[in-house]
Amino acid sequence: IPHTLAIEIKRELSVYFKKNTYYRIRNKERLIKPSEQELIRWNYIQKGITEEPVFDKYIEQYDW
């Protein structure tokens, strides 16, 4: 991804996620929910990026 495009994507994601939430996700203190992953994928598609975003790991759990 070109640097200017990465900066633009980061800016748009910081609008969606609150500052504290964005910080916790970036520092791996909070997981990204499936709906949030879809938002990130949609953001990539809107910017014309055809590659699928790669996340660090996949954890399956139940939300009781």
C-alpha atoms as a PDB file:
ATOM      1  CA  ILE A   1       0.000   0.000   0.000  1.00  0.00           C
ATOM      2  CA  PRO A   2       1.402   3.413  -0.863  1.00  0.00           C
ATOM      3  CA  HIS A   3       2.214   5.522   2.182  1.00  0.00           C
ATOM      4  CA  THR A   4      -0.271   8.289   1.350  1.00  0.00           C
ATOM      5  CA  LEU A   5      -3.066   5.737   0.985  1.00  0.00           C
ATOM      6  CA  ALA A   6      -2.112   4.077   4.298  1.00  0.00           C
ATOM      7  CA  ILE A   7      -2.272   7.460   6.052  1.00  0.00           C
ATOM      8  CA  GLU A   8      -5.703   8.111   4.561  1.00  0.00           C
ATOM      9  CA  ILE A   9      -7.005   4.710   5.686  1.00  0.00           C
ATOM     10  CA  LYS A  10      -5.603   5.246   9.189  1.00  0.00           C
ATOM     11  CA  ARG A  11      -7.304   8.646   9.378  1.00  0.00           C
ATOM     12  CA  GLU A  12     -10.674   7.193   8.359  1.00  0.00           C
ATOM     13  CA  LEU A  13     -10.395   4.342  10.863  1.00  0.00           C
ATOM     14  CA  SER A  14      -9.525   6.775  13.640  1.00  0.00           C
ATOM     15  CA  VAL A  15     -12.781   8.583  12.872  1.00  0.00           C
ATOM     16  CA  TYR A  16     -14.762   5.350  13.289  1.00  0.00           C
ATOM     17  CA  PHE A  17     -12.918   4.117  16.393  1.00  0.00           C
ATOM     18  CA  LYS A  18     -12.658   6.461  19.340  1.00  0.00           C
ATOM     19  CA  LYS A  19      -9.141   7.542  20.270  1.00  0.00           C
ATOM     20  CA  ASN A  20      -8.925   5.229  23.288  1.00  0.00           C
ATOM     21  CA  THR A  21     -10.359   2.257  21.383  1.00  0.00           C
ATOM     22  CA  TYR A  22      -8.011   2.801  18.431  1.00  0.00           C
ATOM     23  CA  TYR A  23      -5.049   2.910  20.823  1.00  0.00           C
ATOM     24  CA  ARG A  24      -6.134  -0.324  22.574  1.00  0.00           C
ATOM     25  CA  ILE A  25      -6.619  -2.146  19.259  1.00  0.00           C
ATOM     26  CA  ARG A  26      -3.268  -0.949  17.935  1.00  0.00           C
ATOM     27  CA  ASN A  27      -1.486  -2.131  21.095  1.00  0.00           C
ATOM     28  CA  LYS A  28      -3.337  -5.496  21.032  1.00  0.00           C
ATOM     29  CA  GLU A  29      -5.191  -4.803  24.264  1.00  0.00           C
ATOM     30  CA  ARG A  30      -8.568  -5.211  22.537  1.00  0.00           C
ATOM     31  CA  LEU A  31      -9.754  -7.569  19.810  1.00  0.00           C
ATOM     32  CA  ILE A  32     -11.373  -6.382  16.589  1.00  0.00           C
ATOM     33  CA  LYS A  33     -14.940  -7.636  16.267  1.00  0.00           C
ATOM     34  CA  PRO A  34     -16.110  -9.272  13.003  1.00  0.00           C
ATOM     35  CA  SER A  35     -18.270  -6.245  12.174  1.00  0.00           C
ATOM     36  CA  GLU A  36     -15.238  -3.993  12.653  1.00  0.00           C
ATOM     37  CA  GLN A  37     -13.160  -6.268  10.418  1.00  0.00           C
ATOM     38  CA  GLU A  38     -15.820  -5.875   7.731  1.00  0.00           C
ATOM     39  CA  LEU A  39     -15.552  -2.098   8.104  1.00  0.00           C
ATOM     40  CA  ILE A  40     -11.792  -2.341   7.536  1.00  0.00           C
ATOM     41  CA  ARG A  41     -12.330  -4.571   4.473  1.00  0.00           C
ATOM     42  CA  TRP A  42     -14.925  -2.124   3.112  1.00  0.00           C
ATOM     43  CA  ASN A  43     -12.474   0.730   3.643  1.00  0.00           C
ATOM     44  CA  TYR A  44      -9.854  -1.151   1.607  1.00  0.00           C
ATOM     45  CA  ILE A  45     -12.340  -1.776  -1.201  1.00  0.00           C
ATOM     46  CA  GLN A  46     -13.360   1.895  -1.255  1.00  0.00           C
ATOM     47  CA  LYS A  47      -9.706   2.859  -1.723  1.00  0.00           C
ATOM     48  CA  GLY A  48      -9.318   0.430  -4.642  1.00  0.00           C
ATOM     49  CA  ILE A  49      -7.130  -2.074  -2.787  1.00  0.00           C
ATOM     50  CA  THR A  50      -7.852  -5.574  -4.061  1.00  0.00           C
ATOM     51  CA  GLU A  51      -5.752  -7.411  -1.469  1.00  0.00           C
ATOM     52  CA  GLU A  52      -7.527  -8.742   1.586  1.00  0.00           C
ATOM     53  CA  PRO A  53      -6.367  -7.081   4.836  1.00  0.00           C
ATOM     54  CA  VAL A  54      -4.291  -9.397   7.026  1.00  0.00           C
ATOM     55  CA  PHE A  55      -5.072  -9.529  10.731  1.00  0.00           C
ATOM     56  CA  ASP A  56      -2.623 -10.823  13.363  1.00  0.00           C
ATOM     57  CA  LYS A  57      -4.647 -13.831  14.480  1.00  0.00           C
ATOM     58  CA  TYR A  58      -8.103 -15.361  14.624  1.00  0.00           C
ATOM     59  CA  ILE A  59      -9.838 -16.141  17.901  1.00  0.00           C
ATOM     60  CA  GLU A  60     -13.243 -17.763  18.046  1.00  0.00           C
ATOM     61  CA  GLN A  61     -15.208 -17.215  21.230  1.00  0.00           C
ATOM     62  CA  TYR A  62     -18.756 -16.790  22.422  1.00  0.00           C
ATOM     63  CA  ASP A  63     -20.214 -13.531  23.668  1.00  0.00           C
ATOM     64  CA  TRP A  64     -22.395 -14.618  26.590  1.00  0.00           C
END
